[in-house]
Amino acid sequence: MTVSFTSTLYLLPVLELLLDCIPADWHAEVHLGLQEALVNAAKHGNKLDPGKIISVLFSHSDDRCEWLISDQGDGFTPPDVCHTGLEETLCDDGECGRGLFILHQVFDQVQWNPCGTQLRLCKQIRHSDRSPLLT
């Protein structure tokens, strides 16, 4: 399934659609992560330009969900992170990096394309190594 929409922070209808197949126990956590990713695409990627589009390609299987979020911005160079010092790496300047920290906490895989205009998020929803952080 692919969803495309103009840059906006009114994301509730899009989020509801993207969360439709998520089990109830993972719903709050994945909602938080997807909202953060979509806000970043609209605000930082497309600079809230209503002439620019965000598209989300969503796929799922019995135990895994994947989202490919694309914006039409200038790109983004994510910081190098290692999971042992993730919090310190992403949150050094206080405010910036909070969204990246959330993405790395919620999703099992967080990857950008080389241009920094496309974000791939993967979530193991069944047979996960951990329980949901939020309920």
N, C-alpha and C. Protein backbone atom coordinates (compact mmCIF):
# COMPACT_ATOMS: atom_id res chain seq x y z
N MET A 1 0.84 -1.17 0.00
CA MET A 1 0.00 0.00 0.00
C MET A 1 0.90 1.24 0.00
N THR A 2 0.53 2.22 -0.78
CA THR A 2 1.23 3.50 -0.81
C THR A 2 0.26 4.62 -0.47
N VAL A 3 0.70 5.52 0.39
CA VAL A 3 -0.08 6.70 0.77
C VAL A 3 0.77 7.92 0.45
N SER A 4 0.20 8.90 -0.23
CA SER A 4 0.90 10.16 -0.52
C SER A 4 0.03 11.31 -0.06
N PHE A 5 0.69 12.35 0.48
CA PHE A 5 -0.05 13.51 0.96
C PHE A 5 0.87 14.73 0.94
N THR A 6 0.27 15.91 0.92
CA THR A 6 1.05 17.15 0.93
C THR A 6 1.63 17.37 2.32
N SER A 7 2.68 18.15 2.40
CA SER A 7 3.34 18.41 3.67
C SER A 7 2.39 19.10 4.63
N THR A 8 2.14 18.45 5.74
CA THR A 8 1.25 18.96 6.77
C THR A 8 1.61 18.32 8.09
N LEU A 9 1.21 18.95 9.16
CA LEU A 9 1.38 18.34 10.48
C LEU A 9 0.07 17.71 10.95
N TYR A 10 -0.97 17.82 10.15
CA TYR A 10 -2.24 17.14 10.46
C TYR A 10 -2.12 15.70 9.94
N LEU A 11 -1.66 14.82 10.81
CA LEU A 11 -1.27 13.48 10.39
C LEU A 11 -2.19 12.37 10.90
N LEU A 12 -3.19 12.69 11.68
CA LEU A 12 -4.03 11.66 12.28
C LEU A 12 -4.64 10.69 11.27
N PRO A 13 -5.25 11.17 10.18
CA PRO A 13 -5.83 10.22 9.22
C PRO A 13 -4.77 9.30 8.58
N VAL A 14 -3.61 9.85 8.29
CA VAL A 14 -2.53 9.05 7.69
C VAL A 14 -2.05 8.02 8.70
N LEU A 15 -1.84 8.43 9.94
CA LEU A 15 -1.38 7.52 10.98
C LEU A 15 -2.38 6.38 11.21
N GLU A 16 -3.65 6.71 11.25
CA GLU A 16 -4.67 5.68 11.44
C GLU A 16 -4.62 4.64 10.32
N LEU A 17 -4.44 5.10 9.12
CA LEU A 17 -4.33 4.19 7.98
C LEU A 17 -3.09 3.31 8.08
N LEU A 18 -1.96 3.91 8.43
CA LEU A 18 -0.70 3.16 8.51
C LEU A 18 -0.63 2.21 9.69
N LEU A 19 -1.46 2.44 10.69
CA LEU A 19 -1.47 1.59 11.88
C LEU A 19 -2.55 0.52 11.85
N ASP A 20 -3.30 0.47 10.79
CA ASP A 20 -4.45 -0.43 10.70
C ASP A 20 -4.11 -1.90 10.96
N CYS A 21 -2.97 -2.35 10.52
CA CYS A 21 -2.59 -3.77 10.66
C CYS A 21 -1.71 -4.04 11.87
N ILE A 22 -1.46 -3.05 12.68
CA ILE A 22 -0.58 -3.21 13.84
C ILE A 22 -1.38 -3.80 15.00
N PRO A 23 -0.87 -4.86 15.64
CA PRO A 23 -1.57 -5.41 16.82
C PRO A 23 -1.74 -4.35 17.91
N ALA A 24 -2.81 -4.45 18.64
CA ALA A 24 -3.17 -3.45 19.64
C ALA A 24 -2.06 -3.20 20.66
N ASP A 25 -1.33 -4.23 21.07
CA ASP A 25 -0.31 -4.02 22.09
C ASP A 25 0.89 -3.21 21.59
N TRP A 26 1.10 -3.13 20.28
CA TRP A 26 2.20 -2.34 19.70
C TRP A 26 1.72 -0.98 19.17
N HIS A 27 0.43 -0.75 19.20
CA HIS A 27 -0.17 0.42 18.54
C HIS A 27 0.40 1.75 19.05
N ALA A 28 0.44 1.96 20.36
CA ALA A 28 0.88 3.26 20.91
C ALA A 28 2.34 3.53 20.58
N GLU A 29 3.18 2.52 20.71
CA GLU A 29 4.60 2.70 20.45
C GLU A 29 4.88 3.00 18.98
N VAL A 30 4.28 2.22 18.09
CA VAL A 30 4.51 2.43 16.65
C VAL A 30 3.89 3.75 16.21
N HIS A 31 2.75 4.13 16.79
CA HIS A 31 2.14 5.43 16.51
C HIS A 31 3.13 6.55 16.81
N LEU A 32 3.75 6.50 17.99
CA LEU A 32 4.72 7.53 18.37
C LEU A 32 5.88 7.59 17.37
N GLY A 33 6.42 6.44 16.99
CA GLY A 33 7.54 6.42 16.06
C GLY A 33 7.18 6.91 14.68
N LEU A 34 6.04 6.46 14.15
CA LEU A 34 5.62 6.91 12.83
C LEU A 34 5.29 8.40 12.82
N GLN A 35 4.65 8.87 13.88
CA GLN A 35 4.33 10.30 13.96
C GLN A 35 5.62 11.11 13.92
N GLU A 36 6.63 10.69 14.65
CA GLU A 36 7.90 11.39 14.67
C GLU A 36 8.54 11.40 13.28
N ALA A 37 8.52 10.27 12.60
CA ALA A 37 9.11 10.17 11.26
C ALA A 37 8.37 11.05 10.26
N LEU A 38 7.05 11.06 10.33
CA LEU A 38 6.26 11.86 9.39
C LEU A 38 6.39 13.36 9.67
N VAL A 39 6.44 13.73 10.94
CA VAL A 39 6.66 15.14 11.28
C VAL A 39 8.02 15.59 10.77
N ASN A 40 9.04 14.75 10.95
CA ASN A 40 10.37 15.10 10.44
C ASN A 40 10.37 15.28 8.93
N ALA A 41 9.68 14.39 8.21
CA ALA A 41 9.61 14.50 6.75
C ALA A 41 8.91 15.79 6.32
N ALA A 42 7.81 16.12 6.99
CA ALA A 42 7.05 17.33 6.63
C ALA A 42 7.78 18.60 7.05
N LYS A 43 8.25 18.63 8.28
CA LYS A 43 8.82 19.85 8.85
C LYS A 43 10.27 20.08 8.42
N HIS A 44 11.10 19.09 8.57
CA HIS A 44 12.53 19.26 8.28
C HIS A 44 12.86 18.92 6.82
N GLY A 45 12.21 17.90 6.27
CA GLY A 45 12.46 17.53 4.88
C GLY A 45 11.84 18.51 3.92
N ASN A 46 10.52 18.59 3.93
CA ASN A 46 9.80 19.43 2.97
C ASN A 46 9.57 20.86 3.46
N LYS A 47 10.03 21.19 4.65
CA LYS A 47 9.91 22.54 5.21
C LYS A 47 8.46 23.04 5.20
N LEU A 48 7.53 22.10 5.40
CA LEU A 48 6.09 22.37 5.43
C LEU A 48 5.58 23.04 4.15
N ASP A 49 6.28 22.83 3.06
CA ASP A 49 5.86 23.37 1.76
C ASP A 49 4.69 22.54 1.25
N PRO A 50 3.48 23.12 1.15
CA PRO A 50 2.31 22.36 0.71
C PRO A 50 2.41 21.89 -0.74
N GLY A 51 3.38 22.40 -1.49
CA GLY A 51 3.58 21.95 -2.86
C GLY A 51 4.45 20.70 -2.94
N LYS A 52 4.98 20.27 -1.80
CA LYS A 52 5.82 19.07 -1.77
C LYS A 52 5.06 17.91 -1.15
N ILE A 53 5.38 16.72 -1.61
CA ILE A 53 4.65 15.51 -1.24
C ILE A 53 5.51 14.63 -0.33
N ILE A 54 4.83 13.96 0.59
CA ILE A 54 5.42 12.88 1.37
C ILE A 54 4.70 11.61 0.92
N SER A 55 5.46 10.58 0.66
CA SER A 55 4.83 9.31 0.31
C SER A 55 5.34 8.23 1.26
N VAL A 56 4.45 7.29 1.57
CA VAL A 56 4.78 6.19 2.47
C VAL A 56 4.35 4.90 1.80
N LEU A 57 5.32 4.04 1.59
CA LEU A 57 5.06 2.69 1.10
C LEU A 57 5.06 1.79 2.32
N PHE A 58 3.96 1.06 2.53
CA PHE A 58 3.79 0.23 3.71
C PHE A 58 3.60 -1.22 3.30
N SER A 59 4.32 -2.10 3.96
CA SER A 59 4.11 -3.54 3.73
C SER A 59 4.19 -4.26 5.07
N HIS A 60 3.53 -5.41 5.13
CA HIS A 60 3.57 -6.18 6.37
C HIS A 60 3.44 -7.67 6.05
N SER A 61 3.94 -8.45 6.98
CA SER A 61 3.77 -9.89 6.94
C SER A 61 3.21 -10.30 8.30
N ASP A 62 3.18 -11.57 8.58
CA ASP A 62 2.63 -12.02 9.85
C ASP A 62 3.38 -11.48 11.07
N ASP A 63 4.68 -11.28 10.92
CA ASP A 63 5.46 -10.89 12.09
C ASP A 63 6.25 -9.60 11.94
N ARG A 64 6.14 -8.93 10.80
CA ARG A 64 6.99 -7.76 10.55
C ARG A 64 6.25 -6.70 9.73
N CYS A 65 6.50 -5.45 10.06
CA CYS A 65 5.96 -4.32 9.29
C CYS A 65 7.13 -3.46 8.82
N GLU A 66 6.93 -2.85 7.65
CA GLU A 66 7.97 -1.99 7.08
C GLU A 66 7.32 -0.78 6.44
N TRP A 67 7.93 0.39 6.67
CA TRP A 67 7.47 1.65 6.09
C TRP A 67 8.65 2.29 5.37
N LEU A 68 8.41 2.78 4.18
CA LEU A 68 9.41 3.52 3.42
C LEU A 68 8.84 4.92 3.22
N ILE A 69 9.40 5.89 3.94
CA ILE A 69 8.89 7.26 3.97
C ILE A 69 9.81 8.13 3.12
N SER A 70 9.24 8.80 2.11
CA SER A 70 10.01 9.64 1.20
C SER A 70 9.51 11.08 1.25
N ASP A 71 10.45 12.01 1.26
CA ASP A 71 10.07 13.43 1.15
C ASP A 71 10.79 14.04 -0.05
N GLN A 72 10.48 15.28 -0.35
CA GLN A 72 11.06 15.97 -1.50
C GLN A 72 12.00 17.09 -1.05
N GLY A 73 12.59 16.91 0.13
CA GLY A 73 13.50 17.92 0.68
C GLY A 73 14.89 17.81 0.10
N ASP A 74 15.81 18.58 0.69
CA ASP A 74 17.20 18.63 0.24
C ASP A 74 18.04 17.45 0.72
N GLY A 75 17.51 16.67 1.63
CA GLY A 75 18.24 15.52 2.15
C GLY A 75 18.71 15.73 3.57
N PHE A 76 19.22 14.67 4.14
CA PHE A 76 19.58 14.64 5.55
C PHE A 76 20.75 13.69 5.72
N THR A 77 21.71 14.09 6.50
CA THR A 77 22.83 13.21 6.83
C THR A 77 22.67 12.80 8.28
N PRO A 78 22.21 11.57 8.52
CA PRO A 78 22.01 11.15 9.91
C PRO A 78 23.34 10.98 10.62
N PRO A 79 23.35 11.18 11.93
CA PRO A 79 24.60 10.98 12.67
C PRO A 79 24.97 9.51 12.71
N ASP A 80 26.25 9.24 12.84
CA ASP A 80 26.71 7.88 13.07
C ASP A 80 26.30 7.50 14.48
N VAL A 81 25.62 6.38 14.62
CA VAL A 81 25.20 5.97 15.95
C VAL A 81 25.67 4.56 16.23
N CYS A 82 26.01 4.34 17.46
CA CYS A 82 26.23 2.98 17.94
C CYS A 82 25.24 2.79 19.08
N HIS A 83 24.64 1.67 19.16
CA HIS A 83 23.55 1.48 20.13
C HIS A 83 24.01 1.55 21.58
N THR A 84 25.31 1.37 21.85
CA THR A 84 25.77 1.47 23.23
C THR A 84 25.73 2.90 23.74
N GLY A 85 25.96 3.88 22.85
CA GLY A 85 25.93 5.28 23.27
C GLY A 85 24.90 6.07 22.51
N LEU A 86 23.79 5.44 22.17
CA LEU A 86 22.79 6.07 21.32
C LEU A 86 22.27 7.36 21.92
N GLU A 87 21.91 7.34 23.17
CA GLU A 87 21.33 8.54 23.79
C GLU A 87 22.32 9.71 23.76
N GLU A 88 23.57 9.45 24.12
CA GLU A 88 24.56 10.51 24.13
C GLU A 88 24.85 11.01 22.71
N THR A 89 24.91 10.09 21.75
CA THR A 89 25.22 10.44 20.37
C THR A 89 24.15 11.35 19.78
N LEU A 90 22.89 11.05 20.03
CA LEU A 90 21.81 11.78 19.38
C LEU A 90 21.34 13.01 20.15
N CYS A 91 21.57 13.05 21.43
CA CYS A 91 20.97 14.11 22.24
C CYS A 91 21.99 15.07 22.84
N ASP A 92 23.17 15.18 22.25
CA ASP A 92 24.22 16.03 22.79
C ASP A 92 23.82 17.50 22.91
N ASP A 93 23.03 17.99 21.96
CA ASP A 93 22.72 19.42 21.99
C ASP A 93 21.39 19.72 22.66
N GLY A 94 20.84 18.79 23.38
CA GLY A 94 19.63 19.05 24.15
C GLY A 94 18.36 18.78 23.40
N GLU A 95 18.06 19.59 22.37
CA GLU A 95 16.79 19.44 21.68
C GLU A 95 16.90 18.62 20.41
N CYS A 96 17.84 18.91 19.56
CA CYS A 96 17.98 18.18 18.31
C CYS A 96 18.34 16.74 18.59
N GLY A 97 17.78 15.86 17.84
CA GLY A 97 18.09 14.45 18.01
C GLY A 97 17.04 13.68 18.78
N ARG A 98 16.11 14.35 19.42
CA ARG A 98 15.07 13.66 20.18
C ARG A 98 14.28 12.72 19.30
N GLY A 99 13.91 13.19 18.10
CA GLY A 99 13.15 12.36 17.17
C GLY A 99 13.93 11.16 16.70
N LEU A 100 15.22 11.35 16.43
CA LEU A 100 16.06 10.23 16.01
C LEU A 100 16.18 9.21 17.13
N PHE A 101 16.31 9.69 18.34
CA PHE A 101 16.38 8.79 19.49
C PHE A 101 15.10 7.96 19.58
N ILE A 102 13.95 8.59 19.42
CA ILE A 102 12.67 7.88 19.47
C ILE A 102 12.62 6.82 18.37
N LEU A 103 13.01 7.17 17.15
CA LEU A 103 12.98 6.20 16.05
C LEU A 103 13.82 4.97 16.37
N HIS A 104 14.99 5.18 16.91
CA HIS A 104 15.87 4.05 17.22
C HIS A 104 15.37 3.22 18.40
N GLN A 105 14.56 3.81 19.26
CA GLN A 105 13.99 3.06 20.36
C GLN A 105 12.77 2.24 19.92
N VAL A 106 11.98 2.79 19.02
CA VAL A 106 10.73 2.15 18.60
C VAL A 106 10.97 1.07 17.55
N PHE A 107 11.78 1.37 16.54
CA PHE A 107 11.91 0.47 15.40
C PHE A 107 13.16 -0.40 15.50
N ASP A 108 13.07 -1.59 14.91
CA ASP A 108 14.18 -2.54 14.92
C ASP A 108 15.24 -2.17 13.90
N GLN A 109 14.83 -1.53 12.82
CA GLN A 109 15.76 -1.06 11.79
C GLN A 109 15.36 0.35 11.38
N VAL A 110 16.36 1.23 11.31
CA VAL A 110 16.19 2.62 10.89
C VAL A 110 17.30 2.90 9.89
N GLN A 111 16.92 3.11 8.61
CA GLN A 111 17.92 3.31 7.57
C GLN A 111 17.49 4.41 6.62
N TRP A 112 18.44 5.30 6.27
CA TRP A 112 18.19 6.33 5.27
C TRP A 112 18.87 5.95 3.97
N ASN A 113 18.31 6.43 2.85
CA ASN A 113 18.99 6.27 1.58
C ASN A 113 20.18 7.23 1.54
N PRO A 114 21.10 7.06 0.58
CA PRO A 114 22.30 7.93 0.54
C PRO A 114 21.98 9.42 0.42
N CYS A 115 20.86 9.77 -0.20
CA CYS A 115 20.50 11.19 -0.35
C CYS A 115 19.86 11.77 0.91
N GLY A 116 19.40 10.91 1.80
CA GLY A 116 18.74 11.37 3.02
C GLY A 116 17.33 11.85 2.81
N THR A 117 16.69 11.40 1.74
CA THR A 117 15.31 11.81 1.47
C THR A 117 14.33 10.64 1.63
N GLN A 118 14.83 9.50 2.04
CA GLN A 118 13.98 8.32 2.18
C GLN A 118 14.40 7.56 3.43
N LEU A 119 13.43 7.25 4.26
CA LEU A 119 13.67 6.58 5.53
C LEU A 119 12.95 5.24 5.52
N ARG A 120 13.68 4.18 5.84
CA ARG A 120 13.10 2.84 5.94
C ARG A 120 13.05 2.44 7.40
N LEU A 121 11.83 2.11 7.86
CA LEU A 121 11.61 1.70 9.24
C LEU A 121 11.05 0.28 9.25
N CYS A 122 11.60 -0.58 10.08
CA CYS A 122 11.11 -1.95 10.21
C CYS A 122 10.79 -2.23 11.67
N LYS A 123 9.72 -2.98 11.87
CA LYS A 123 9.30 -3.33 13.22
C LYS A 123 8.89 -4.79 13.27
N GLN A 124 9.52 -5.55 14.14
CA GLN A 124 9.14 -6.93 14.40
C GLN A 124 7.96 -6.87 15.35
N ILE A 125 6.79 -7.33 14.95
CA ILE A 125 5.60 -7.18 15.79
C ILE A 125 5.17 -8.47 16.47
N ARG A 126 5.62 -9.58 15.98
CA ARG A 126 5.37 -10.86 16.64
C ARG A 126 6.73 -11.51 16.86
N HIS A 127 6.83 -12.29 17.89
CA HIS A 127 8.09 -12.97 18.21
C HIS A 127 9.22 -11.96 18.43
N SER A 128 8.87 -10.82 19.00
CA SER A 128 9.88 -9.79 19.28
C SER A 128 10.68 -10.17 20.52
N ASP A 129 11.88 -9.64 20.62
CA ASP A 129 12.73 -9.90 21.78
C ASP A 129 12.29 -9.11 23.00
N ARG A 130 11.37 -8.19 22.81
CA ARG A 130 10.94 -7.36 23.94
C ARG A 130 9.45 -7.07 23.85
N SER A 131 8.91 -6.60 24.96
CA SER A 131 7.51 -6.18 25.01
C SER A 131 7.42 -4.72 24.60
N PRO A 132 6.24 -4.24 24.24
CA PRO A 132 6.09 -2.82 23.88
C PRO A 132 6.52 -1.90 25.02
N LEU A 133 7.14 -0.78 24.66
CA LEU A 133 7.55 0.22 25.65
C LEU A 133 6.36 1.02 26.16
N LEU A 134 5.38 1.23 25.29
CA LEU A 134 4.18 2.00 25.63
C LEU A 134 2.96 1.10 25.54
N THR A 135 1.99 1.35 26.39
CA THR A 135 0.74 0.58 26.32
C THR A 135 -0.43 1.51 26.37
